[in-house]
Amino acid sequence: MRTSGIAGLSAPQLGVSLRVFAIQFPSKRNYEFPLLYEKRQMEYIPLQVWINPQMKILDYTKVTDEESCESMVGYSAELPRYTKVLLTGLDHEGKEKKWEAKGWSARIVQHEMDHLEGKFYTDLMNPETLCCVHWDAVNKMEGRIFTTYMINK
């Protein structure tokens, strides 16, 4: 996850039938995109492992924003997510923990919880917003591009 820069990865995405996911969000994005960071209420999330997580909605207000997923590299779409959730579960050592996530962090949590429930962001998206995030490159290269699913080292 650190190498590829993704915010989350769930066991089902790896073909493992366990209720486990890992999330993180690097602070460097605050420096790369400060206005977007503030608008989306993004915050640094250190690497966290969640085992048998449960989620409770704390604020039923929904915000629609763009999301993407490593299961469908190169595409994004807009979908609504709750603005505040409570996550409870076990850490990597089996100790109980809880976390009140808000803003972008709440979006990441909901995205990963969806994977554990067999849902994909395309199940919840506004279909009219699904787009290829590489159109600039496609046009510049006159259609001759290659999208990889491999992690860059």
N, C-alpha and C. Protein backbone atom coordinates (compact mmCIF):
# COMPACT_ATOMS: atom_id res chain seq x y z
N MET A 1 0.82 -1.19 0.00
CA MET A 1 0.00 0.00 0.00
C MET A 1 0.87 1.25 0.00
N ARG A 2 1.94 1.21 0.75
CA ARG A 2 2.80 2.40 0.81
C ARG A 2 3.42 2.70 -0.54
N THR A 3 3.82 1.67 -1.25
CA THR A 3 4.47 1.85 -2.54
C THR A 3 3.51 2.39 -3.58
N SER A 4 2.29 1.85 -3.61
CA SER A 4 1.33 2.24 -4.65
C SER A 4 0.56 3.50 -4.30
N GLY A 5 0.55 3.89 -3.03
CA GLY A 5 -0.16 5.10 -2.63
C GLY A 5 -1.66 4.94 -2.46
N ILE A 6 -2.14 3.70 -2.40
CA ILE A 6 -3.59 3.49 -2.23
C ILE A 6 -3.99 3.73 -0.78
N ALA A 7 -5.25 4.08 -0.58
CA ALA A 7 -5.75 4.42 0.75
C ALA A 7 -6.27 3.21 1.51
N GLY A 8 -6.64 2.16 0.82
CA GLY A 8 -7.18 1.00 1.51
C GLY A 8 -7.10 -0.26 0.67
N LEU A 9 -7.12 -1.39 1.37
CA LEU A 9 -7.10 -2.69 0.70
C LEU A 9 -7.80 -3.69 1.62
N SER A 10 -8.75 -4.42 1.06
CA SER A 10 -9.50 -5.39 1.86
C SER A 10 -9.13 -6.81 1.47
N ALA A 11 -9.31 -7.73 2.40
CA ALA A 11 -9.01 -9.14 2.14
C ALA A 11 -9.75 -9.67 0.91
N PRO A 12 -11.05 -9.36 0.73
CA PRO A 12 -11.74 -9.87 -0.46
C PRO A 12 -11.12 -9.40 -1.79
N GLN A 13 -10.49 -8.25 -1.80
CA GLN A 13 -9.82 -7.78 -3.02
C GLN A 13 -8.64 -8.67 -3.39
N LEU A 14 -8.12 -9.39 -2.40
CA LEU A 14 -6.99 -10.29 -2.62
C LEU A 14 -7.46 -11.74 -2.75
N GLY A 15 -8.78 -11.94 -2.77
CA GLY A 15 -9.33 -13.29 -2.90
C GLY A 15 -9.37 -14.05 -1.59
N VAL A 16 -9.30 -13.33 -0.47
CA VAL A 16 -9.31 -13.95 0.85
C VAL A 16 -10.65 -13.64 1.52
N SER A 17 -11.37 -14.68 1.93
CA SER A 17 -12.70 -14.50 2.51
C SER A 17 -12.63 -14.24 4.01
N LEU A 18 -12.03 -13.14 4.37
CA LEU A 18 -11.96 -12.71 5.77
C LEU A 18 -12.44 -11.27 5.87
N ARG A 19 -12.96 -10.91 7.04
CA ARG A 19 -13.41 -9.53 7.27
C ARG A 19 -12.23 -8.74 7.84
N VAL A 20 -11.32 -8.40 6.95
CA VAL A 20 -10.10 -7.68 7.33
C VAL A 20 -9.81 -6.64 6.25
N PHE A 21 -9.41 -5.44 6.69
CA PHE A 21 -8.89 -4.46 5.74
C PHE A 21 -7.82 -3.61 6.39
N ALA A 22 -7.04 -2.98 5.55
CA ALA A 22 -6.01 -2.04 6.00
C ALA A 22 -6.28 -0.71 5.33
N ILE A 23 -6.07 0.38 6.06
CA ILE A 23 -6.23 1.72 5.50
C ILE A 23 -5.05 2.59 5.91
N GLN A 24 -4.83 3.63 5.11
CA GLN A 24 -3.83 4.65 5.42
C GLN A 24 -4.09 5.83 4.50
N PHE A 25 -3.63 6.98 4.91
CA PHE A 25 -3.71 8.15 4.04
C PHE A 25 -2.52 9.03 4.37
N PRO A 26 -1.60 9.20 3.42
CA PRO A 26 -0.35 9.93 3.69
C PRO A 26 -0.55 11.43 3.86
N SER A 27 0.24 12.02 4.73
CA SER A 27 0.16 13.46 4.96
C SER A 27 0.73 14.25 3.79
N LYS A 28 1.55 13.63 2.96
CA LYS A 28 2.16 14.35 1.83
C LYS A 28 1.12 14.90 0.87
N ARG A 29 -0.06 14.31 0.84
CA ARG A 29 -1.11 14.80 -0.06
C ARG A 29 -1.58 16.19 0.35
N ASN A 30 -1.41 16.53 1.61
CA ASN A 30 -1.76 17.87 2.08
C ASN A 30 -0.90 18.91 1.37
N TYR A 31 0.35 18.57 1.12
CA TYR A 31 1.27 19.49 0.47
C TYR A 31 1.09 19.50 -1.05
N GLU A 32 0.69 18.35 -1.60
CA GLU A 32 0.49 18.24 -3.04
C GLU A 32 -0.78 18.95 -3.50
N PHE A 33 -1.86 18.81 -2.72
CA PHE A 33 -3.16 19.35 -3.11
C PHE A 33 -3.85 20.01 -1.91
N PRO A 34 -3.32 21.13 -1.40
CA PRO A 34 -3.86 21.71 -0.17
C PRO A 34 -5.33 22.11 -0.23
N LEU A 35 -5.80 22.67 -1.34
CA LEU A 35 -7.20 23.09 -1.43
C LEU A 35 -8.14 21.89 -1.45
N LEU A 36 -7.78 20.87 -2.20
CA LEU A 36 -8.58 19.65 -2.26
C LEU A 36 -8.57 18.94 -0.91
N TYR A 37 -7.42 18.92 -0.26
CA TYR A 37 -7.24 18.30 1.06
C TYR A 37 -8.22 18.93 2.06
N GLU A 38 -8.31 20.26 2.02
CA GLU A 38 -9.20 20.97 2.94
C GLU A 38 -10.67 20.78 2.56
N LYS A 39 -10.99 20.91 1.28
CA LYS A 39 -12.38 20.78 0.81
C LYS A 39 -12.97 19.42 1.16
N ARG A 40 -12.17 18.38 0.99
CA ARG A 40 -12.66 17.01 1.24
C ARG A 40 -12.48 16.57 2.69
N GLN A 41 -12.00 17.44 3.54
CA GLN A 41 -11.75 17.13 4.95
C GLN A 41 -10.83 15.91 5.08
N MET A 42 -9.75 15.96 4.33
CA MET A 42 -8.77 14.87 4.38
C MET A 42 -7.87 15.06 5.59
N GLU A 43 -7.39 13.95 6.12
CA GLU A 43 -6.46 13.99 7.24
C GLU A 43 -5.52 12.79 7.15
N TYR A 44 -4.38 12.94 7.76
CA TYR A 44 -3.40 11.86 7.79
C TYR A 44 -3.98 10.67 8.55
N ILE A 45 -3.84 9.48 7.98
CA ILE A 45 -4.23 8.24 8.65
C ILE A 45 -3.00 7.32 8.62
N PRO A 46 -2.45 7.00 9.78
CA PRO A 46 -1.34 6.04 9.78
C PRO A 46 -1.86 4.67 9.36
N LEU A 47 -0.98 3.79 8.94
CA LEU A 47 -1.39 2.46 8.53
C LEU A 47 -2.13 1.77 9.67
N GLN A 48 -3.34 1.32 9.38
CA GLN A 48 -4.18 0.65 10.38
C GLN A 48 -4.73 -0.65 9.79
N VAL A 49 -4.73 -1.70 10.60
CA VAL A 49 -5.36 -2.96 10.21
C VAL A 49 -6.62 -3.12 11.06
N TRP A 50 -7.72 -3.48 10.40
CA TRP A 50 -9.00 -3.69 11.08
C TRP A 50 -9.47 -5.12 10.83
N ILE A 51 -9.70 -5.86 11.92
CA ILE A 51 -10.18 -7.24 11.86
C ILE A 51 -11.60 -7.28 12.40
N ASN A 52 -12.48 -7.93 11.66
CA ASN A 52 -13.91 -8.02 12.00
C ASN A 52 -14.50 -6.65 12.35
N PRO A 53 -14.30 -5.66 11.49
CA PRO A 53 -14.80 -4.32 11.79
C PRO A 53 -16.32 -4.23 11.70
N GLN A 54 -16.86 -3.34 12.50
CA GLN A 54 -18.28 -3.00 12.47
C GLN A 54 -18.36 -1.48 12.33
N MET A 55 -19.32 -1.02 11.57
CA MET A 55 -19.46 0.42 11.33
C MET A 55 -20.84 0.89 11.74
N LYS A 56 -20.86 2.04 12.41
CA LYS A 56 -22.11 2.68 12.80
C LYS A 56 -22.10 4.09 12.22
N ILE A 57 -23.19 4.48 11.58
CA ILE A 57 -23.29 5.83 11.02
C ILE A 57 -23.58 6.81 12.15
N LEU A 58 -22.77 7.86 12.26
CA LEU A 58 -22.95 8.88 13.29
C LEU A 58 -23.62 10.14 12.74
N ASP A 59 -23.45 10.40 11.46
CA ASP A 59 -24.07 11.57 10.82
C ASP A 59 -24.63 11.10 9.48
N TYR A 60 -25.94 11.20 9.33
CA TYR A 60 -26.60 10.70 8.13
C TYR A 60 -26.53 11.67 6.95
N THR A 61 -25.82 12.78 7.13
CA THR A 61 -25.59 13.70 6.01
C THR A 61 -24.68 13.00 5.01
N LYS A 62 -25.03 13.10 3.73
CA LYS A 62 -24.19 12.49 2.69
C LYS A 62 -23.55 13.57 1.84
N VAL A 63 -22.32 13.30 1.42
CA VAL A 63 -21.59 14.17 0.51
C VAL A 63 -21.21 13.33 -0.70
N THR A 64 -21.46 13.88 -1.88
CA THR A 64 -21.10 13.18 -3.12
C THR A 64 -19.73 13.66 -3.57
N ASP A 65 -18.85 12.72 -3.84
CA ASP A 65 -17.50 13.04 -4.30
C ASP A 65 -16.99 11.90 -5.18
N GLU A 66 -15.85 12.13 -5.77
CA GLU A 66 -15.24 11.18 -6.69
C GLU A 66 -14.47 10.11 -5.92
N GLU A 67 -14.58 8.87 -6.36
CA GLU A 67 -13.82 7.76 -5.79
C GLU A 67 -13.25 6.90 -6.89
N SER A 68 -12.22 6.17 -6.54
CA SER A 68 -11.66 5.18 -7.45
C SER A 68 -11.30 3.96 -6.61
N CYS A 69 -10.84 2.90 -7.28
CA CYS A 69 -10.55 1.66 -6.56
C CYS A 69 -9.46 0.89 -7.30
N GLU A 70 -8.59 0.27 -6.54
CA GLU A 70 -7.52 -0.53 -7.14
C GLU A 70 -8.06 -1.76 -7.86
N SER A 71 -9.30 -2.14 -7.59
CA SER A 71 -9.92 -3.26 -8.30
C SER A 71 -10.34 -2.88 -9.71
N MET A 72 -10.34 -1.58 -10.00
CA MET A 72 -10.72 -1.09 -11.33
C MET A 72 -9.84 0.12 -11.66
N VAL A 73 -8.57 -0.14 -11.80
CA VAL A 73 -7.57 0.91 -12.02
C VAL A 73 -7.88 1.72 -13.27
N GLY A 74 -7.74 3.03 -13.13
CA GLY A 74 -7.88 3.92 -14.28
C GLY A 74 -9.24 4.55 -14.44
N TYR A 75 -10.16 4.27 -13.52
CA TYR A 75 -11.51 4.83 -13.60
C TYR A 75 -11.89 5.45 -12.27
N SER A 76 -12.83 6.39 -12.33
CA SER A 76 -13.39 6.99 -11.13
C SER A 76 -14.85 7.33 -11.39
N ALA A 77 -15.58 7.56 -10.31
CA ALA A 77 -16.99 7.94 -10.41
C ALA A 77 -17.39 8.65 -9.13
N GLU A 78 -18.48 9.39 -9.21
CA GLU A 78 -19.00 10.08 -8.03
C GLU A 78 -20.04 9.22 -7.33
N LEU A 79 -19.99 9.23 -6.00
CA LEU A 79 -21.01 8.55 -5.22
C LEU A 79 -21.14 9.20 -3.85
N PRO A 80 -22.34 9.09 -3.27
CA PRO A 80 -22.56 9.70 -1.96
C PRO A 80 -22.06 8.80 -0.84
N ARG A 81 -21.53 9.42 0.21
CA ARG A 81 -21.09 8.70 1.41
C ARG A 81 -21.48 9.52 2.64
N TYR A 82 -21.70 8.83 3.75
CA TYR A 82 -21.99 9.50 5.01
C TYR A 82 -20.75 10.27 5.48
N THR A 83 -20.98 11.36 6.21
CA THR A 83 -19.87 12.23 6.60
C THR A 83 -19.17 11.83 7.89
N LYS A 84 -19.81 10.98 8.70
CA LYS A 84 -19.18 10.61 9.97
C LYS A 84 -19.64 9.20 10.37
N VAL A 85 -18.66 8.34 10.69
CA VAL A 85 -18.96 6.97 11.09
C VAL A 85 -18.09 6.56 12.28
N LEU A 86 -18.57 5.57 13.01
CA LEU A 86 -17.79 4.99 14.11
C LEU A 86 -17.39 3.59 13.67
N LEU A 87 -16.11 3.31 13.73
CA LEU A 87 -15.59 2.00 13.35
C LEU A 87 -15.09 1.31 14.61
N THR A 88 -15.51 0.08 14.83
CA THR A 88 -15.03 -0.72 15.95
C THR A 88 -14.52 -2.05 15.40
N GLY A 89 -13.57 -2.64 16.08
CA GLY A 89 -13.02 -3.92 15.63
C GLY A 89 -11.76 -4.25 16.41
N LEU A 90 -10.96 -5.12 15.83
CA LEU A 90 -9.72 -5.56 16.44
C LEU A 90 -8.53 -5.07 15.62
N ASP A 91 -7.42 -4.80 16.30
CA ASP A 91 -6.21 -4.41 15.58
C ASP A 91 -5.42 -5.66 15.18
N HIS A 92 -4.23 -5.48 14.65
CA HIS A 92 -3.42 -6.60 14.17
C HIS A 92 -2.94 -7.52 15.29
N GLU A 93 -3.06 -7.07 16.54
CA GLU A 93 -2.68 -7.90 17.69
C GLU A 93 -3.90 -8.50 18.38
N GLY A 94 -5.09 -8.27 17.81
CA GLY A 94 -6.32 -8.81 18.39
C GLY A 94 -6.90 -7.97 19.51
N LYS A 95 -6.41 -6.75 19.69
CA LYS A 95 -6.92 -5.86 20.73
C LYS A 95 -8.07 -5.02 20.18
N GLU A 96 -9.09 -4.82 21.02
CA GLU A 96 -10.24 -4.01 20.60
C GLU A 96 -9.83 -2.56 20.40
N LYS A 97 -10.44 -1.95 19.39
CA LYS A 97 -10.20 -0.53 19.15
C LYS A 97 -11.43 0.08 18.51
N LYS A 98 -11.50 1.41 18.55
CA LYS A 98 -12.58 2.13 17.88
C LYS A 98 -12.03 3.43 17.35
N TRP A 99 -12.72 3.95 16.35
CA TRP A 99 -12.27 5.17 15.68
C TRP A 99 -13.47 5.90 15.10
N GLU A 100 -13.56 7.18 15.42
CA GLU A 100 -14.60 8.04 14.85
C GLU A 100 -13.99 8.72 13.63
N ALA A 101 -14.44 8.30 12.46
CA ALA A 101 -13.90 8.83 11.21
C ALA A 101 -14.87 9.83 10.61
N LYS A 102 -14.31 10.94 10.09
CA LYS A 102 -15.16 11.96 9.47
C LYS A 102 -14.54 12.39 8.15
N GLY A 103 -15.35 13.03 7.32
CA GLY A 103 -14.85 13.54 6.05
C GLY A 103 -14.33 12.44 5.15
N TRP A 104 -13.14 12.67 4.59
CA TRP A 104 -12.55 11.71 3.65
C TRP A 104 -12.23 10.38 4.33
N SER A 105 -11.84 10.43 5.60
CA SER A 105 -11.55 9.20 6.35
C SER A 105 -12.80 8.32 6.44
N ALA A 106 -13.96 8.95 6.67
CA ALA A 106 -15.22 8.21 6.71
C ALA A 106 -15.52 7.58 5.35
N ARG A 107 -15.18 8.29 4.29
CA ARG A 107 -15.37 7.76 2.93
C ARG A 107 -14.51 6.52 2.71
N ILE A 108 -13.26 6.57 3.14
CA ILE A 108 -12.36 5.42 2.98
C ILE A 108 -12.90 4.22 3.76
N VAL A 109 -13.33 4.45 4.99
CA VAL A 109 -13.88 3.38 5.82
C VAL A 109 -15.08 2.73 5.13
N GLN A 110 -16.01 3.55 4.64
CA GLN A 110 -17.20 3.01 3.98
C GLN A 110 -16.84 2.24 2.72
N HIS A 111 -15.86 2.72 1.97
CA HIS A 111 -15.41 2.04 0.76
C HIS A 111 -14.90 0.64 1.10
N GLU A 112 -14.06 0.55 2.13
CA GLU A 112 -13.50 -0.76 2.51
C GLU A 112 -14.56 -1.66 3.13
N MET A 113 -15.47 -1.10 3.91
CA MET A 113 -16.57 -1.90 4.48
C MET A 113 -17.44 -2.47 3.36
N ASP A 114 -17.65 -1.69 2.31
CA ASP A 114 -18.41 -2.19 1.16
C ASP A 114 -17.76 -3.43 0.57
N HIS A 115 -16.44 -3.43 0.45
CA HIS A 115 -15.74 -4.61 -0.07
C HIS A 115 -16.02 -5.84 0.80
N LEU A 116 -16.05 -5.64 2.11
CA LEU A 116 -16.32 -6.76 3.02
C LEU A 116 -17.74 -7.29 2.86
N GLU A 117 -18.64 -6.44 2.40
CA GLU A 117 -20.04 -6.83 2.18
C GLU A 117 -20.29 -7.28 0.74
N GLY A 118 -19.23 -7.38 -0.05
CA GLY A 118 -19.38 -7.82 -1.44
C GLY A 118 -19.86 -6.74 -2.38
N LYS A 119 -19.75 -5.48 -1.96
CA LYS A 119 -20.16 -4.36 -2.80
C LYS A 119 -18.93 -3.68 -3.39
N PHE A 120 -19.16 -3.04 -4.52
CA PHE A 120 -18.12 -2.33 -5.23
C PHE A 120 -18.62 -0.92 -5.46
N TYR A 121 -17.73 0.06 -5.54
CA TYR A 121 -18.19 1.45 -5.67
C TYR A 121 -19.05 1.66 -6.90
N THR A 122 -18.88 0.85 -7.92
CA THR A 122 -19.73 0.98 -9.11
C THR A 122 -21.17 0.58 -8.83
N ASP A 123 -21.41 -0.17 -7.75
CA ASP A 123 -22.78 -0.53 -7.37
C ASP A 123 -23.53 0.67 -6.81
N LEU A 124 -22.79 1.66 -6.30
CA LEU A 124 -23.38 2.80 -5.61
C LEU A 124 -23.22 4.12 -6.36
N MET A 125 -22.42 4.12 -7.41
CA MET A 125 -22.07 5.36 -8.10
C MET A 125 -23.22 5.92 -8.92
N ASN A 126 -23.07 7.19 -9.29
CA ASN A 126 -23.91 7.79 -10.32
C ASN A 126 -23.29 7.33 -11.63
N PRO A 127 -23.98 6.45 -12.40
CA PRO A 127 -23.37 5.87 -13.60
C PRO A 127 -22.93 6.89 -14.64
N GLU A 128 -23.55 8.04 -14.65
CA GLU A 128 -23.19 9.08 -15.63
C GLU A 128 -21.83 9.70 -15.34
N THR A 129 -21.29 9.47 -14.14
CA THR A 129 -20.02 10.09 -13.77
C THR A 129 -18.82 9.17 -13.94
N LEU A 130 -19.05 7.90 -14.28
CA LEU A 130 -17.94 6.97 -14.47
C LEU A 130 -17.07 7.45 -15.63
N CYS A 131 -15.78 7.60 -15.36
CA CYS A 131 -14.89 8.08 -16.43
C CYS A 131 -13.50 7.49 -16.29
N CYS A 132 -12.81 7.48 -17.39
CA CYS A 132 -11.41 7.06 -17.44
C CYS A 132 -10.58 8.26 -16.98
N VAL A 133 -9.76 8.05 -15.98
CA VAL A 133 -8.96 9.16 -15.45
C VAL A 133 -7.71 9.43 -16.29
N HIS A 134 -7.51 8.63 -17.31
CA HIS A 134 -6.32 8.77 -18.15
C HIS A 134 -6.62 9.37 -19.52
N TRP A 135 -7.77 10.03 -19.69
CA TRP A 135 -8.12 10.54 -21.02
C TRP A 135 -7.08 11.49 -21.59
N ASP A 136 -6.49 12.32 -20.75
CA ASP A 136 -5.44 13.22 -21.25
C ASP A 136 -4.29 12.43 -21.88
N ALA A 137 -3.87 11.37 -21.18
CA ALA A 137 -2.78 10.54 -21.71
C ALA A 137 -3.22 9.79 -22.96
N VAL A 138 -4.46 9.29 -22.96
CA VAL A 138 -4.98 8.57 -24.12
C VAL A 138 -4.96 9.48 -25.35
N ASN A 139 -5.46 10.69 -25.19
CA ASN A 139 -5.49 11.63 -26.31
C ASN A 139 -4.09 12.05 -26.75
N LYS A 140 -3.23 12.31 -25.78
CA LYS A 140 -1.86 12.74 -26.10
C LYS A 140 -1.10 11.65 -26.86
N MET A 141 -1.34 10.40 -26.47
CA MET A 141 -0.64 9.27 -27.10
C MET A 141 -1.46 8.66 -28.24
N GLU A 142 -2.52 9.34 -28.65
CA GLU A 142 -3.39 8.89 -29.74
C GLU A 142 -3.87 7.46 -29.52
N GLY A 143 -4.21 7.16 -28.27
CA GLY A 143 -4.78 5.85 -27.94
C GLY A 143 -3.77 4.77 -27.63
N ARG A 144 -2.49 5.04 -27.76
CA ARG A 144 -1.46 4.02 -27.53
C ARG A 144 -0.93 4.14 -26.10
N ILE A 145 -1.71 3.65 -25.14
CA ILE A 145 -1.25 3.66 -23.75
C ILE A 145 -1.39 2.27 -23.17
N PHE A 146 -0.75 2.08 -22.03
CA PHE A 146 -0.79 0.81 -21.33
C PHE A 146 -1.08 1.09 -19.86
N THR A 147 -2.13 0.49 -19.33
CA THR A 147 -2.46 0.64 -17.91
C THR A 147 -2.06 -0.65 -17.21
N THR A 148 -1.26 -0.52 -16.18
CA THR A 148 -0.77 -1.70 -15.46
C THR A 148 -1.48 -1.86 -14.13
N TYR A 149 -1.57 -3.06 -13.68
CA TYR A 149 -2.11 -3.36 -12.36
C TYR A 149 -0.99 -3.74 -11.41
N MET A 150 0.23 -3.58 -11.87
CA MET A 150 1.38 -3.94 -11.06
C MET A 150 1.81 -2.74 -10.21
N ILE A 151 2.40 -3.03 -9.07
CA ILE A 151 2.89 -1.98 -8.18
C ILE A 151 4.23 -1.49 -8.69
N ASN A 152 4.38 -0.17 -8.74
CA ASN A 152 5.66 0.43 -9.13
C ASN A 152 6.63 0.37 -7.98
N LYS A 153 7.84 -0.04 -8.23
CA LYS A 153 8.85 -0.12 -7.16
C LYS A 153 9.84 0.99 -7.30
